[in-house]
């Protein structure tokens, strides 16, 4: 269950819950040229007469074939490999496929920054902001203020700081087993990690965009005596973005449940395994 679900925070409220272009994976094109073996005869015990000029020509043909194959495998030239040239178009056709645009390089604290001023940049920003808004750090008052100031438009910062403080008050923190600083008790690990599955732009202009981010995540407190065990959730966040101060910033956001797949009957890991995974596995910077 995500944080917004536990609190009922979200809904339609604003404060609620390439240098590396396409690479072709797969098999390698190979061509095998068969030449007569030196020990073969003509069926009558006689070896065919050798002609040095013919041999040189045959070797030359083989060399040319090898060179042509190597060039084709590189996919270079102006249309020398039609299949390779169609890859970007085919990959971009799927709504959740990668576009090939170079990922954002900047950082504002631990959150990505410097997104492209286009639709793909808006989707990349929304994905990274969704991760920050449902992170364990958002429950820590000091870190929360930093996150709000990093990702929201300036004129919404004061209002949203107040709304977040009200939503994640002492009663909420007690419910999930955290102290007033958003820290878990000794021997316990609070987990709140989100992974965007896909993004979709519903409206876009040069100055604003509305992006839906389909997410899954794990939420809860890992520990032997935890009354809020770690479980998974599926939800969709809708973020309204504005282009401000040279980057995409959040104006408002909301959250709804699903789409969710059928749960498997996989055996759940114990609390120690979950806590260890959170400590050992780092997160990602997301790019559309």
C-alpha atoms as a PDB file:
ATOM      1  CA  UNK A   1       0.000   0.000   0.000  1.00  0.00           C
ATOM      2  CA  UNK A   2       1.433   3.386  -0.911  1.00  0.00           C
ATOM      3  CA  UNK A   3       1.645   6.251   1.538  1.00  0.00           C
ATOM      4  CA  UNK A   4      -1.235   8.068  -0.091  1.00  0.00           C
ATOM      5  CA  UNK A   5      -3.482   5.035   0.303  1.00  0.00           C
ATOM      6  CA  UNK A   6      -2.807   4.768   4.027  1.00  0.00           C
ATOM      7  CA  UNK A   7      -3.555   8.427   4.593  1.00  0.00           C
ATOM      8  CA  UNK A   8      -6.245   8.914   2.042  1.00  0.00           C
ATOM      9  CA  UNK A   9      -3.997  11.703   0.791  1.00  0.00           C
ATOM     10  CA  UNK A  10      -4.282  12.498  -2.873  1.00  0.00           C
ATOM     11  CA  UNK A  11      -7.344  12.123  -5.010  1.00  0.00           C
ATOM     12  CA  UNK A  12      -7.825  15.248  -7.012  1.00  0.00           C
ATOM     13  CA  UNK A  13      -6.114  17.470  -4.493  1.00  0.00           C
ATOM     14  CA  UNK A  14      -2.933  19.172  -5.703  1.00  0.00           C
ATOM     15  CA  UNK A  15      -1.047  18.047  -2.624  1.00  0.00           C
ATOM     16  CA  UNK A  16      -2.299  14.496  -2.806  1.00  0.00           C
ATOM     17  CA  UNK A  17      -0.855  11.419  -3.254  1.00  0.00           C
ATOM     18  CA  UNK A  18      21.734  10.856 -26.956  1.00  0.00           C
ATOM     19  CA  UNK A  19      24.884   9.875 -27.624  1.00  0.00           C
ATOM     20  CA  UNK A  20      23.754   6.417 -26.934  1.00  0.00           C
ATOM     21  CA  UNK A  21      21.235   5.878 -29.699  1.00  0.00           C
ATOM     22  CA  UNK A  22      19.577   2.618 -30.530  1.00  0.00           C
ATOM     23  CA  UNK A  23      21.648  -0.501 -30.167  1.00  0.00           C
ATOM     24  CA  UNK A  24      20.699  -3.681 -31.973  1.00  0.00           C
ATOM     25  CA  UNK A  25      20.693  -6.813 -29.840  1.00  0.00           C
ATOM     26  CA  UNK A  26      20.427 -10.360 -31.049  1.00  0.00           C
ATOM     27  CA  UNK A  27      22.183 -12.616 -33.486  1.00  0.00           C
ATOM     28  CA  UNK A  28      25.186 -11.808 -35.609  1.00  0.00           C
ATOM     29  CA  UNK A  29      25.040 -12.010 -39.359  1.00  0.00           C
ATOM     30  CA  UNK A  30      27.477 -14.672 -40.582  1.00  0.00           C
ATOM     31  CA  UNK A  31      28.277 -15.931 -44.075  1.00  0.00           C
ATOM     32  CA  UNK A  32      30.309 -19.051 -44.804  1.00  0.00           C
ATOM     33  CA  UNK A  33      31.978 -19.468 -48.187  1.00  0.00           C
ATOM     34  CA  UNK A  34      32.789 -23.036 -49.221  1.00  0.00           C
ATOM     35  CA  UNK A  35      35.852 -23.554 -51.452  1.00  0.00           C
ATOM     36  CA  UNK A  36      37.172 -26.826 -52.980  1.00  0.00           C
ATOM     37  CA  UNK A  37      39.479 -28.678 -50.603  1.00  0.00           C
ATOM     38  CA  UNK A  38      43.012 -29.287 -51.778  1.00  0.00           C
ATOM     39  CA  UNK A  39      42.808 -33.074 -51.406  1.00  0.00           C
ATOM     40  CA  UNK A  40      39.624 -33.615 -53.504  1.00  0.00           C
ATOM     41  CA  UNK A  41      39.833 -35.280 -56.903  1.00  0.00           C
ATOM     42  CA  UNK A  42      37.455 -35.410 -59.857  1.00  0.00           C
ATOM     43  CA  UNK A  43      36.119 -38.902 -59.131  1.00  0.00           C
ATOM     44  CA  UNK A  44      38.638 -40.651 -61.349  1.00  0.00           C
ATOM     45  CA  UNK A  45      41.669 -40.416 -59.081  1.00  0.00           C
ATOM     46  CA  UNK A  46      42.876 -37.290 -60.853  1.00  0.00           C
ATOM     47  CA  UNK A  47      43.314 -33.964 -59.179  1.00  0.00           C
ATOM     48  CA  UNK A  48      42.143 -30.975 -61.206  1.00  0.00           C
ATOM     49  CA  UNK A  49      44.854 -28.864 -62.671  1.00  0.00           C
ATOM     50  CA  UNK A  50      45.645 -25.751 -60.592  1.00  0.00           C
ATOM     51  CA  UNK A  51      45.867 -22.349 -62.109  1.00  0.00           C
ATOM     52  CA  UNK A  52      47.659 -19.734 -59.959  1.00  0.00           C
ATOM     53  CA  UNK A  53      45.683 -16.915 -61.552  1.00  0.00           C
ATOM     54  CA  UNK A  54      42.371 -18.609 -60.707  1.00  0.00           C
ATOM     55  CA  UNK A  55      43.522 -19.165 -57.131  1.00  0.00           C
ATOM     56  CA  UNK A  56      44.427 -15.483 -56.702  1.00  0.00           C
ATOM     57  CA  UNK A  57      41.030 -14.438 -58.060  1.00  0.00           C
ATOM     58  CA  UNK A  58      39.221 -16.815 -55.698  1.00  0.00           C
ATOM     59  CA  UNK A  59      41.118 -15.456 -52.712  1.00  0.00           C
ATOM     60  CA  UNK A  60      40.313 -11.930 -53.825  1.00  0.00           C
ATOM     61  CA  UNK A  61      36.595 -12.710 -53.997  1.00  0.00           C
ATOM     62  CA  UNK A  62      36.680 -14.155 -50.461  1.00  0.00           C
ATOM     63  CA  UNK A  63      38.411 -11.041 -49.114  1.00  0.00           C
ATOM     64  CA  UNK A  64      35.798  -8.799 -50.750  1.00  0.00           C
ATOM     65  CA  UNK A  65      32.977 -10.893 -49.293  1.00  0.00           C
ATOM     66  CA  UNK A  66      34.446 -10.662 -45.792  1.00  0.00           C
ATOM     67  CA  UNK A  67      34.844  -6.889 -46.104  1.00  0.00           C
ATOM     68  CA  UNK A  68      31.268  -6.489 -47.345  1.00  0.00           C
ATOM     69  CA  UNK A  69      29.892  -8.580 -44.473  1.00  0.00           C
ATOM     70  CA  UNK A  70      31.872  -6.572 -41.881  1.00  0.00           C
ATOM     71  CA  UNK A  71      30.612  -3.283 -43.335  1.00  0.00           C
ATOM     72  CA  UNK A  72      27.010  -4.514 -43.352  1.00  0.00           C
ATOM     73  CA  UNK A  73      27.254  -5.587 -39.721  1.00  0.00           C
ATOM     74  CA  UNK A  74      28.415  -2.096 -38.739  1.00  0.00           C
ATOM     75  CA  UNK A  75      25.153  -0.642 -40.059  1.00  0.00           C
ATOM     76  CA  UNK A  76      27.060   2.367 -41.466  1.00  0.00           C
ATOM     77  CA  UNK A  77      26.603   4.336 -44.620  1.00  0.00           C
ATOM     78  CA  UNK A  78      23.672   6.086 -46.207  1.00  0.00           C
ATOM     79  CA  UNK A  79      21.062   3.393 -46.163  1.00  0.00           C
ATOM     80  CA  UNK A  80      23.396   0.424 -46.440  1.00  0.00           C
ATOM     81  CA  UNK A  81      21.373  -1.424 -43.810  1.00  0.00           C
ATOM     82  CA  UNK A  82      17.669  -0.775 -44.211  1.00  0.00           C
ATOM     83  CA  UNK A  83      16.726  -2.988 -41.245  1.00  0.00           C
ATOM     84  CA  UNK A  84      18.963  -1.069 -38.850  1.00  0.00           C
ATOM     85  CA  UNK A  85      17.615   2.267 -40.004  1.00  0.00           C
ATOM     86  CA  UNK A  86      14.045   1.205 -39.218  1.00  0.00           C
ATOM     87  CA  UNK A  87      14.856   0.294 -35.631  1.00  0.00           C
ATOM     88  CA  UNK A  88      14.292   3.777 -34.090  1.00  0.00           C
ATOM     89  CA  UNK A  89      10.889   4.151 -35.740  1.00  0.00           C
ATOM     90  CA  UNK A  90       9.791   0.685 -34.670  1.00  0.00           C
ATOM     91  CA  UNK A  91      10.982   1.185 -31.084  1.00  0.00           C
ATOM     92  CA  UNK A  92       9.198   4.503 -30.743  1.00  0.00           C
ATOM     93  CA  UNK A  93       5.892   3.086 -31.920  1.00  0.00           C
ATOM     94  CA  UNK A  94       5.049   1.392 -28.606  1.00  0.00           C
ATOM     95  CA  UNK A  95       3.587   3.697 -25.917  1.00  0.00           C
ATOM     96  CA  UNK A  96       6.032   2.468 -23.272  1.00  0.00           C
ATOM     97  CA  UNK A  97       9.043   1.820 -25.515  1.00  0.00           C
ATOM     98  CA  UNK A  98      12.244   3.798 -25.078  1.00  0.00           C
ATOM     99  CA  UNK A  99      12.628   6.751 -27.437  1.00  0.00           C
ATOM    100  CA  UNK A 100      16.400   6.759 -27.610  1.00  0.00           C
ATOM    101  CA  UNK A 101      16.692  10.322 -26.301  1.00  0.00           C
ATOM    102  CA  UNK A 102      19.785  10.817 -24.157  1.00  0.00           C
ATOM    103  CA  UNK A 103      18.918  10.583 -20.424  1.00  0.00           C
ATOM    104  CA  UNK A 104      19.092  13.715 -18.300  1.00  0.00           C
ATOM    105  CA  UNK A 105      22.567  14.429 -16.942  1.00  0.00           C
ATOM    106  CA  UNK A 106      21.872  16.976 -14.196  1.00  0.00           C
ATOM    107  CA  UNK A 107      21.069  16.514 -10.524  1.00  0.00           C
ATOM    108  CA  UNK A 108      19.385  18.732  -7.974  1.00  0.00           C
ATOM    109  CA  UNK A 109      20.414  17.032  -4.778  1.00  0.00           C
ATOM    110  CA  UNK A 110      19.496  13.387  -5.293  1.00  0.00           C
ATOM    111  CA  UNK A 111      16.751  14.167  -7.838  1.00  0.00           C
ATOM    112  CA  UNK A 112      17.399  14.381 -11.568  1.00  0.00           C
ATOM    113  CA  UNK A 113      17.194  17.862 -13.101  1.00  0.00           C
ATOM    114  CA  UNK A 114      17.755  19.606 -16.427  1.00  0.00           C
ATOM    115  CA  UNK A 115      15.090  17.796 -18.449  1.00  0.00           C
ATOM    116  CA  UNK A 116      14.625  18.467 -22.148  1.00  0.00           C
ATOM    117  CA  UNK A 117      12.094  21.135 -23.081  1.00  0.00           C
ATOM    118  CA  UNK A 118       9.879  18.764 -25.038  1.00  0.00           C
ATOM    119  CA  UNK A 119       7.266  16.067 -24.475  1.00  0.00           C
ATOM    120  CA  UNK A 120       9.848  13.378 -23.771  1.00  0.00           C
ATOM    121  CA  UNK A 121      11.521  15.612 -21.208  1.00  0.00           C
ATOM    122  CA  UNK A 122       8.193  16.154 -19.462  1.00  0.00           C
ATOM    123  CA  UNK A 123       7.631  12.395 -19.240  1.00  0.00           C
ATOM    124  CA  UNK A 124      11.149  11.858 -17.884  1.00  0.00           C
ATOM    125  CA  UNK A 125      10.611  14.552 -15.267  1.00  0.00           C
ATOM    126  CA  UNK A 126       7.252  13.099 -14.220  1.00  0.00           C
ATOM    127  CA  UNK A 127       8.749   9.616 -13.769  1.00  0.00           C
ATOM    128  CA  UNK A 128      11.587  10.869 -11.558  1.00  0.00           C
ATOM    129  CA  UNK A 129       9.298  13.152  -9.560  1.00  0.00           C
ATOM    130  CA  UNK A 130       6.864  10.295  -8.932  1.00  0.00           C
ATOM    131  CA  UNK A 131       9.706   8.325  -7.343  1.00  0.00           C
ATOM    132  CA  UNK A 132      10.590  11.254  -5.065  1.00  0.00           C
ATOM    133  CA  UNK A 133       7.004  11.966  -4.031  1.00  0.00           C
ATOM    134  CA  UNK A 134       6.427   8.417  -2.772  1.00  0.00           C
ATOM    135  CA  UNK A 135       9.857   7.858  -1.255  1.00  0.00           C
ATOM    136  CA  UNK A 136      10.773   7.182   2.352  1.00  0.00           C
ATOM    137  CA  UNK A 137      12.521  10.581   2.422  1.00  0.00           C
ATOM    138  CA  UNK A 138       9.244  12.441   1.878  1.00  0.00           C
ATOM    139  CA  UNK A 139       8.276  11.376   5.426  1.00  0.00           C
ATOM    140  CA  UNK A 140      11.360  13.052   6.915  1.00  0.00           C
ATOM    141  CA  UNK A 141      10.484  16.737   7.606  1.00  0.00           C
ATOM    142  CA  UNK A 142      13.874  18.217   6.715  1.00  0.00           C
ATOM    143  CA  UNK A 143      14.326  16.163   3.571  1.00  0.00           C
ATOM    144  CA  UNK A 144      10.689  16.741   2.587  1.00  0.00           C
ATOM    145  CA  UNK A 145      11.180  20.501   2.455  1.00  0.00           C
ATOM    146  CA  UNK A 146      14.181  20.028   0.160  1.00  0.00           C
ATOM    147  CA  UNK A 147      12.202  17.755  -2.170  1.00  0.00           C
ATOM    148  CA  UNK A 148       9.230  20.130  -2.351  1.00  0.00           C
ATOM    149  CA  UNK A 149      11.474  23.084  -3.204  1.00  0.00           C
ATOM    150  CA  UNK A 150      13.354  21.080  -5.818  1.00  0.00           C
ATOM    151  CA  UNK A 151      10.443  19.715  -7.829  1.00  0.00           C
ATOM    152  CA  UNK A 152       7.498  22.126  -7.386  1.00  0.00           C
ATOM    153  CA  UNK A 153       6.953  25.499  -9.040  1.00  0.00           C
ATOM    154  CA  UNK A 154       7.972  28.333  -6.741  1.00  0.00           C
ATOM    155  CA  UNK A 155       4.493  29.743  -6.140  1.00  0.00           C
ATOM    156  CA  UNK A 156       3.222  26.379  -4.824  1.00  0.00           C
ATOM    157  CA  UNK A 157       6.066  25.605  -2.413  1.00  0.00           C
ATOM    158  CA  UNK A 158       4.676  27.308   0.704  1.00  0.00           C
ATOM    159  CA  UNK A 159       1.194  25.830   0.290  1.00  0.00           C
ATOM    160  CA  UNK A 160       2.446  22.312  -0.380  1.00  0.00           C
ATOM    161  CA  UNK A 161       4.933  22.326   2.472  1.00  0.00           C
ATOM    162  CA  UNK A 162       2.009  23.022   4.798  1.00  0.00           C
ATOM    163  CA  UNK A 163      -0.205  20.372   3.184  1.00  0.00           C
ATOM    164  CA  UNK A 164       2.516  17.726   3.392  1.00  0.00           C
ATOM    165  CA  UNK A 165       3.200  18.566   7.023  1.00  0.00           C
ATOM    166  CA  UNK A 166      -0.494  18.106   7.821  1.00  0.00           C
ATOM    167  CA  UNK A 167      -0.746  14.846   5.866  1.00  0.00           C
ATOM    168  CA  UNK A 168       2.367  13.283   7.350  1.00  0.00           C
ATOM    169  CA  UNK A 169       1.764  14.365  10.936  1.00  0.00           C
ATOM    170  CA  UNK A 170       2.630  12.490  14.141  1.00  0.00           C
ATOM    171  CA  UNK A 171      -0.506  10.333  13.957  1.00  0.00           C
ATOM    172  CA  UNK A 172       0.410   9.127  10.472  1.00  0.00           C
ATOM    173  CA  UNK A 173       4.048   8.513  11.414  1.00  0.00           C
ATOM    174  CA  UNK A 174       2.977   6.520  14.478  1.00  0.00           C
ATOM    175  CA  UNK A 175       0.728   4.414  12.291  1.00  0.00           C
ATOM    176  CA  UNK A 176       3.606   3.349  10.051  1.00  0.00           C
ATOM    177  CA  UNK A 177       6.039   2.918  12.946  1.00  0.00           C
ATOM    178  CA  UNK A 178       8.153   6.063  12.532  1.00  0.00           C
ATOM    179  CA  UNK A 179       9.197   8.786  14.958  1.00  0.00           C
ATOM    180  CA  UNK A 180       8.637  12.516  14.437  1.00  0.00           C
ATOM    181  CA  UNK A 181      11.752  12.688  12.263  1.00  0.00           C
ATOM    182  CA  UNK A 182      10.441   9.979   9.963  1.00  0.00           C
ATOM    183  CA  UNK A 183      12.943   7.410  11.211  1.00  0.00           C
ATOM    184  CA  UNK A 184      12.183   3.773  12.040  1.00  0.00           C
ATOM    185  CA  UNK A 185      12.796   2.310  15.478  1.00  0.00           C
ATOM    186  CA  UNK A 186      16.118   0.509  16.120  1.00  0.00           C
ATOM    187  CA  UNK A 187      16.157  -2.844  14.378  1.00  0.00           C
ATOM    188  CA  UNK A 188      13.439  -1.760  11.920  1.00  0.00           C
ATOM    189  CA  UNK A 189      13.706  -0.446   8.345  1.00  0.00           C
ATOM    190  CA  UNK A 190      11.010   1.664   6.737  1.00  0.00           C
ATOM    191  CA  UNK A 191      10.609   0.880   3.041  1.00  0.00           C
ATOM    192  CA  UNK A 192       8.964   3.128   0.455  1.00  0.00           C
ATOM    193  CA  UNK A 193      10.368   2.610  -3.016  1.00  0.00           C
ATOM    194  CA  UNK A 194       8.593   3.262  -6.305  1.00  0.00           C
ATOM    195  CA  UNK A 195       9.421   2.029  -9.804  1.00  0.00           C
ATOM    196  CA  UNK A 196       7.710   3.683 -12.809  1.00  0.00           C
ATOM    197  CA  UNK A 197       6.481   1.098 -15.313  1.00  0.00           C
ATOM    198  CA  UNK A 198       5.478   3.541 -18.038  1.00  0.00           C
ATOM    199  CA  UNK A 199       4.482   7.135 -18.797  1.00  0.00           C
ATOM    200  CA  UNK A 200       1.808   8.758 -20.955  1.00  0.00           C
ATOM    201  CA  UNK A 201       1.297  12.397 -21.890  1.00  0.00           C
ATOM    202  CA  UNK A 202      -2.359  13.413 -21.880  1.00  0.00           C
ATOM    203  CA  UNK A 203      -1.868  17.131 -22.648  1.00  0.00           C
ATOM    204  CA  UNK A 204       1.192  19.043 -23.815  1.00  0.00           C
ATOM    205  CA  UNK A 205       2.214  22.547 -24.825  1.00  0.00           C
ATOM    206  CA  UNK A 206       5.534  24.322 -24.716  1.00  0.00           C
ATOM    207  CA  UNK A 207       4.823  25.672 -21.242  1.00  0.00           C
ATOM    208  CA  UNK A 208       2.812  22.901 -19.580  1.00  0.00           C
ATOM    209  CA  UNK A 209       2.136  19.171 -19.670  1.00  0.00           C
ATOM    210  CA  UNK A 210       0.006  16.578 -17.921  1.00  0.00           C
ATOM    211  CA  UNK A 211       1.683  13.208 -17.579  1.00  0.00           C
ATOM    212  CA  UNK A 212       0.398   9.936 -16.130  1.00  0.00           C
ATOM    213  CA  UNK A 213       2.987   7.631 -14.558  1.00  0.00           C
ATOM    214  CA  UNK A 214       2.039   3.991 -14.018  1.00  0.00           C
ATOM    215  CA  UNK A 215       3.961   2.740 -10.983  1.00  0.00           C
ATOM    216  CA  UNK A 216       4.579  -0.238  -8.797  1.00  0.00           C
ATOM    217  CA  UNK A 217       6.346  -0.178  -5.478  1.00  0.00           C
ATOM    218  CA  UNK A 218       7.033  -1.686  -2.067  1.00  0.00           C
ATOM    219  CA  UNK A 219       5.865  -0.011   1.139  1.00  0.00           C
ATOM    220  CA  UNK A 220       5.951  -0.862   4.836  1.00  0.00           C
ATOM    221  CA  UNK A 221       8.237  -1.465   7.791  1.00  0.00           C
ATOM    222  CA  UNK A 222      10.636  -4.394   7.772  1.00  0.00           C
ATOM    223  CA  UNK A 223      11.332  -5.877  11.180  1.00  0.00           C
ATOM    224  CA  UNK A 224      10.518  -8.861  13.357  1.00  0.00           C
ATOM    225  CA  UNK A 225       7.893  -7.027  15.421  1.00  0.00           C
ATOM    226  CA  UNK A 226       6.522  -4.838  12.605  1.00  0.00           C
ATOM    227  CA  UNK A 227       2.782  -4.277  12.548  1.00  0.00           C
ATOM    228  CA  UNK A 228       3.053  -2.707   9.081  1.00  0.00           C
ATOM    229  CA  UNK A 229       4.789  -5.396   6.975  1.00  0.00           C
ATOM    230  CA  UNK A 230       6.241  -4.537   3.579  1.00  0.00           C
ATOM    231  CA  UNK A 231       3.794  -5.146   0.732  1.00  0.00           C
ATOM    232  CA  UNK A 232       3.574  -4.168  -2.906  1.00  0.00           C
ATOM    233  CA  UNK A 233       1.182  -1.810  -4.648  1.00  0.00           C
ATOM    234  CA  UNK A 234       0.225  -0.667  -8.152  1.00  0.00           C
ATOM    235  CA  UNK A 235      -0.993   2.857  -8.803  1.00  0.00           C
ATOM    236  CA  UNK A 236      -1.015   5.694 -11.325  1.00  0.00           C
ATOM    237  CA  UNK A 237       0.177   9.197 -10.533  1.00  0.00           C
ATOM    238  CA  UNK A 238      -0.986  12.148 -12.618  1.00  0.00           C
ATOM    239  CA  UNK A 239       1.372  15.119 -12.547  1.00  0.00           C
ATOM    240  CA  UNK A 240       0.645  18.559 -13.980  1.00  0.00           C
ATOM    241  CA  UNK A 241       3.939  20.164 -14.955  1.00  0.00           C
ATOM    242  CA  UNK A 242       4.991  23.712 -15.813  1.00  0.00           C
ATOM    243  CA  UNK A 243       8.114  24.813 -17.659  1.00  0.00           C
ATOM    244  CA  UNK A 244       9.739  27.181 -15.149  1.00  0.00           C
ATOM    245  CA  UNK A 245      13.293  28.315 -14.403  1.00  0.00           C
ATOM    246  CA  UNK A 246      14.646  26.276 -17.315  1.00  0.00           C
ATOM    247  CA  UNK A 247      13.200  22.951 -16.221  1.00  0.00           C
ATOM    248  CA  UNK A 248       9.958  21.004 -15.784  1.00  0.00           C
ATOM    249  CA  UNK A 249       8.412  21.557 -12.342  1.00  0.00           C
ATOM    250  CA  UNK A 250       5.327  20.076 -10.681  1.00  0.00           C
ATOM    251  CA  UNK A 251       2.277  22.303 -10.270  1.00  0.00           C
ATOM    252  CA  UNK A 252      -0.016  19.597  -8.830  1.00  0.00           C
ATOM    253  CA  UNK A 253      -0.387  15.831  -8.660  1.00  0.00           C
ATOM    254  CA  UNK A 254      -2.886  13.135  -7.738  1.00  0.00           C
ATOM    255  CA  UNK A 255      -2.938   9.364  -7.400  1.00  0.00           C
ATOM    256  CA  UNK A 256      -5.328   6.508  -8.122  1.00  0.00           C
ATOM    257  CA  UNK A 257      -5.144   2.734  -7.721  1.00  0.00           C
ATOM    258  CA  UNK A 258      -4.049   0.367 -10.518  1.00  0.00           C
ATOM    259  CA  UNK A 259      -3.872  -0.937 -13.116  1.00  0.00           C
ATOM    260  CA  UNK A 260      -2.785  -3.965 -11.097  1.00  0.00           C
ATOM    261  CA  UNK A 261      -1.886  -7.457 -12.381  1.00  0.00           C
ATOM    262  CA  UNK A 262      -2.923 -10.726 -10.753  1.00  0.00           C
ATOM    263  CA  UNK A 263      -0.770 -11.504  -7.724  1.00  0.00           C
ATOM    264  CA  UNK A 264       1.410 -14.594  -7.939  1.00  0.00           C
ATOM    265  CA  UNK A 265       1.686 -17.145  -5.152  1.00  0.00           C
ATOM    266  CA  UNK A 266       5.404 -16.471  -4.742  1.00  0.00           C
ATOM    267  CA  UNK A 267       6.667 -16.971  -1.174  1.00  0.00           C
ATOM    268  CA  UNK A 268       7.263 -13.640   0.551  1.00  0.00           C
ATOM    269  CA  UNK A 269      10.795 -12.806   1.707  1.00  0.00           C
ATOM    270  CA  UNK A 270      11.444 -12.316   5.397  1.00  0.00           C
ATOM    271  CA  UNK A 271      12.031  -8.905   6.971  1.00  0.00           C
ATOM    272  CA  UNK A 272      15.837  -9.230   7.000  1.00  0.00           C
ATOM    273  CA  UNK A 273      15.948  -9.999   3.272  1.00  0.00           C
ATOM    274  CA  UNK A 274      13.763  -6.986   2.472  1.00  0.00           C
ATOM    275  CA  UNK A 275      15.811  -4.637   4.666  1.00  0.00           C
ATOM    276  CA  UNK A 276      19.059  -5.902   3.145  1.00  0.00           C
ATOM    277  CA  UNK A 277      17.741  -5.412  -0.385  1.00  0.00           C
ATOM    278  CA  UNK A 278      16.758  -1.807   0.338  1.00  0.00           C
ATOM    279  CA  UNK A 279      20.241  -1.070   1.678  1.00  0.00           C
ATOM    280  CA  UNK A 280      22.169  -2.846  -1.091  1.00  0.00           C
ATOM    281  CA  UNK A 281      20.200  -2.018  -4.247  1.00  0.00           C
ATOM    282  CA  UNK A 282      20.324   1.560  -5.474  1.00  0.00           C
ATOM    283  CA  UNK A 283      17.650   3.363  -7.465  1.00  0.00           C
ATOM    284  CA  UNK A 284      17.634   4.683 -11.031  1.00  0.00           C
ATOM    285  CA  UNK A 285      17.328   7.910 -12.962  1.00  0.00           C
ATOM    286  CA  UNK A 286      14.420   7.472 -15.351  1.00  0.00           C
ATOM    287  CA  UNK A 287      14.229   8.789 -18.906  1.00  0.00           C
ATOM    288  CA  UNK A 288      11.502   8.371 -21.514  1.00  0.00           C
END
